[in-house]
Amino acid sequence: MNVYEQVLRVLDSALNLQGRAATFGPATPLLGALPELDSMAVLALITELETHFGITFSDDDLHADVFASVGSLSALVQQQLARQAT
């Protein structure tokens, strides 16, 4: 399973989307488009991503653009995994 697919699974779990995330594509908007993604859910999502992937985000990594779409969120995770691999 690639990083993108894993991000979808974590997104589905953290937001309790009951499988809906499986239909999302990279351009699927998140912040402002999903009612489930409120400020508390963002924190839960960050925590689940960090736990699932064994990574840690800095405050500088986290801004609204990251949560604009599934693709931008997945890109952040991939970048963090690459940083920690070096």
C-alpha atoms as a PDB file:
ATOM      1  CA  MET A   1       0.000   0.000   0.000  1.00  0.00           C
ATOM      2  CA  ASN A   2       1.482   3.348  -0.994  1.00  0.00           C
ATOM      3  CA  VAL A   3       1.609   6.507   1.111  1.00  0.00           C
ATOM      4  CA  TYR A   4      -1.372   8.075  -0.659  1.00  0.00           C
ATOM      5  CA  GLU A   5      -3.589   5.053   0.072  1.00  0.00           C
ATOM      6  CA  GLN A   6      -2.446   5.021   3.689  1.00  0.00           C
ATOM      7  CA  VAL A   7      -3.264   8.732   4.033  1.00  0.00           C
ATOM      8  CA  LEU A   8      -6.764   7.984   2.726  1.00  0.00           C
ATOM      9  CA  ARG A   9      -7.214   5.260   5.345  1.00  0.00           C
ATOM     10  CA  VAL A  10      -6.011   7.507   8.154  1.00  0.00           C
ATOM     11  CA  LEU A  11      -8.235  10.326   6.886  1.00  0.00           C
ATOM     12  CA  ASP A  12     -11.221   7.997   6.815  1.00  0.00           C
ATOM     13  CA  SER A  13     -10.508   6.758  10.325  1.00  0.00           C
ATOM     14  CA  ALA A  14      -9.722  10.129  11.911  1.00  0.00           C
ATOM     15  CA  LEU A  15     -12.814  11.809  10.468  1.00  0.00           C
ATOM     16  CA  ASN A  16     -15.051   8.752  10.837  1.00  0.00           C
ATOM     17  CA  LEU A  17     -15.998   8.920   7.144  1.00  0.00           C
ATOM     18  CA  GLN A  18     -17.153   5.275   7.086  1.00  0.00           C
ATOM     19  CA  GLY A  19     -15.339   4.402   3.863  1.00  0.00           C
ATOM     20  CA  ARG A  20     -16.095   7.595   1.928  1.00  0.00           C
ATOM     21  CA  ALA A  21     -12.408   8.493   1.672  1.00  0.00           C
ATOM     22  CA  ALA A  22     -11.910   5.526  -0.667  1.00  0.00           C
ATOM     23  CA  THR A  23     -13.689   7.562  -3.348  1.00  0.00           C
ATOM     24  CA  PHE A  24     -11.459  10.630  -2.879  1.00  0.00           C
ATOM     25  CA  GLY A  25      -8.882  11.619  -5.472  1.00  0.00           C
ATOM     26  CA  PRO A  26      -5.825  13.867  -5.106  1.00  0.00           C
ATOM     27  CA  ALA A  27      -7.856  16.954  -6.066  1.00  0.00           C
ATOM     28  CA  THR A  28     -10.645  16.256  -3.564  1.00  0.00           C
ATOM     29  CA  PRO A  29     -10.946  19.368  -1.389  1.00  0.00           C
ATOM     30  CA  LEU A  30     -10.747  18.934   2.367  1.00  0.00           C
ATOM     31  CA  LEU A  31     -10.691  22.067   4.528  1.00  0.00           C
ATOM     32  CA  GLY A  32     -13.949  23.949   4.034  1.00  0.00           C
ATOM     33  CA  ALA A  33     -15.430  21.166   1.906  1.00  0.00           C
ATOM     34  CA  LEU A  34     -15.759  18.371   4.456  1.00  0.00           C
ATOM     35  CA  PRO A  35     -17.992  19.288   7.391  1.00  0.00           C
ATOM     36  CA  GLU A  36     -16.242  16.593   9.428  1.00  0.00           C
ATOM     37  CA  LEU A  37     -12.922  18.460   9.159  1.00  0.00           C
ATOM     38  CA  ASP A  38     -13.305  21.073  11.872  1.00  0.00           C
ATOM     39  CA  SER A  39     -10.546  22.419  14.107  1.00  0.00           C
ATOM     40  CA  MET A  40     -10.734  19.494  16.542  1.00  0.00           C
ATOM     41  CA  ALA A  41     -10.726  16.979  13.699  1.00  0.00           C
ATOM     42  CA  VAL A  42      -7.601  18.597  12.240  1.00  0.00           C
ATOM     43  CA  LEU A  43      -5.808  17.891  15.521  1.00  0.00           C
ATOM     44  CA  ALA A  44      -7.044  14.297  15.547  1.00  0.00           C
ATOM     45  CA  LEU A  45      -5.967  13.854  11.930  1.00  0.00           C
ATOM     46  CA  ILE A  46      -2.474  15.220  12.600  1.00  0.00           C
ATOM     47  CA  THR A  47      -2.098  12.929  15.598  1.00  0.00           C
ATOM     48  CA  GLU A  48      -3.255   9.866  13.664  1.00  0.00           C
ATOM     49  CA  LEU A  49      -0.948  10.647  10.739  1.00  0.00           C
ATOM     50  CA  GLU A  50       2.019  11.061  13.083  1.00  0.00           C
ATOM     51  CA  THR A  51       1.224   7.811  14.879  1.00  0.00           C
ATOM     52  CA  HIS A  52       0.522   5.797  11.736  1.00  0.00           C
ATOM     53  CA  PHE A  53       3.634   6.898   9.864  1.00  0.00           C
ATOM     54  CA  GLY A  54       5.949   7.356  12.864  1.00  0.00           C
ATOM     55  CA  ILE A  55       6.626  10.967  11.934  1.00  0.00           C
ATOM     56  CA  THR A  56       6.392  14.316  13.664  1.00  0.00           C
ATOM     57  CA  PHE A  57       5.238  17.531  12.051  1.00  0.00           C
ATOM     58  CA  SER A  58       6.634  20.874  13.104  1.00  0.00           C
ATOM     59  CA  ASP A  59       4.354  23.878  13.519  1.00  0.00           C
ATOM     60  CA  ASP A  60       5.925  25.335  10.368  1.00  0.00           C
ATOM     61  CA  ASP A  61       4.724  22.301   8.372  1.00  0.00           C
ATOM     62  CA  LEU A  62       1.093  22.805   9.313  1.00  0.00           C
ATOM     63  CA  HIS A  63      -0.890  25.537   7.585  1.00  0.00           C
ATOM     64  CA  ALA A  64      -4.227  25.750   5.789  1.00  0.00           C
ATOM     65  CA  ASP A  65      -2.730  24.982   2.359  1.00  0.00           C
ATOM     66  CA  VAL A  66      -1.692  21.531   3.578  1.00  0.00           C
ATOM     67  CA  PHE A  67      -5.325  20.681   4.232  1.00  0.00           C
ATOM     68  CA  ALA A  68      -6.604  22.125   0.936  1.00  0.00           C
ATOM     69  CA  SER A  69      -6.843  18.728  -0.768  1.00  0.00           C
ATOM     70  CA  VAL A  70      -6.077  15.072  -0.341  1.00  0.00           C
ATOM     71  CA  GLY A  71      -3.079  15.526  -2.637  1.00  0.00           C
ATOM     72  CA  SER A  72      -1.578  18.357  -0.598  1.00  0.00           C
ATOM     73  CA  LEU A  73      -2.008  16.398   2.634  1.00  0.00           C
ATOM     74  CA  SER A  74      -0.433  13.324   1.096  1.00  0.00           C
ATOM     75  CA  ALA A  75       2.454  15.438  -0.236  1.00  0.00           C
ATOM     76  CA  LEU A  76       3.155  16.730   3.276  1.00  0.00           C
ATOM     77  CA  VAL A  77       3.327  13.194   4.634  1.00  0.00           C
ATOM     78  CA  GLN A  78       5.621  12.100   1.798  1.00  0.00           C
ATOM     79  CA  GLN A  79       7.911  15.093   2.386  1.00  0.00           C
ATOM     80  CA  GLN A  80       8.108  14.363   6.107  1.00  0.00           C
ATOM     81  CA  LEU A  81       8.874  10.693   5.478  1.00  0.00           C
ATOM     82  CA  ALA A  82      11.654  11.696   3.078  1.00  0.00           C
ATOM     83  CA  ARG A  83      13.096  14.171   5.632  1.00  0.00           C
ATOM     84  CA  GLN A  84      13.173  11.570   8.361  1.00  0.00           C
ATOM     85  CA  ALA A  85      14.767   9.000   6.073  1.00  0.00           C
ATOM     86  CA  THR A  86      17.853  11.184   5.610  1.00  0.00           C
END
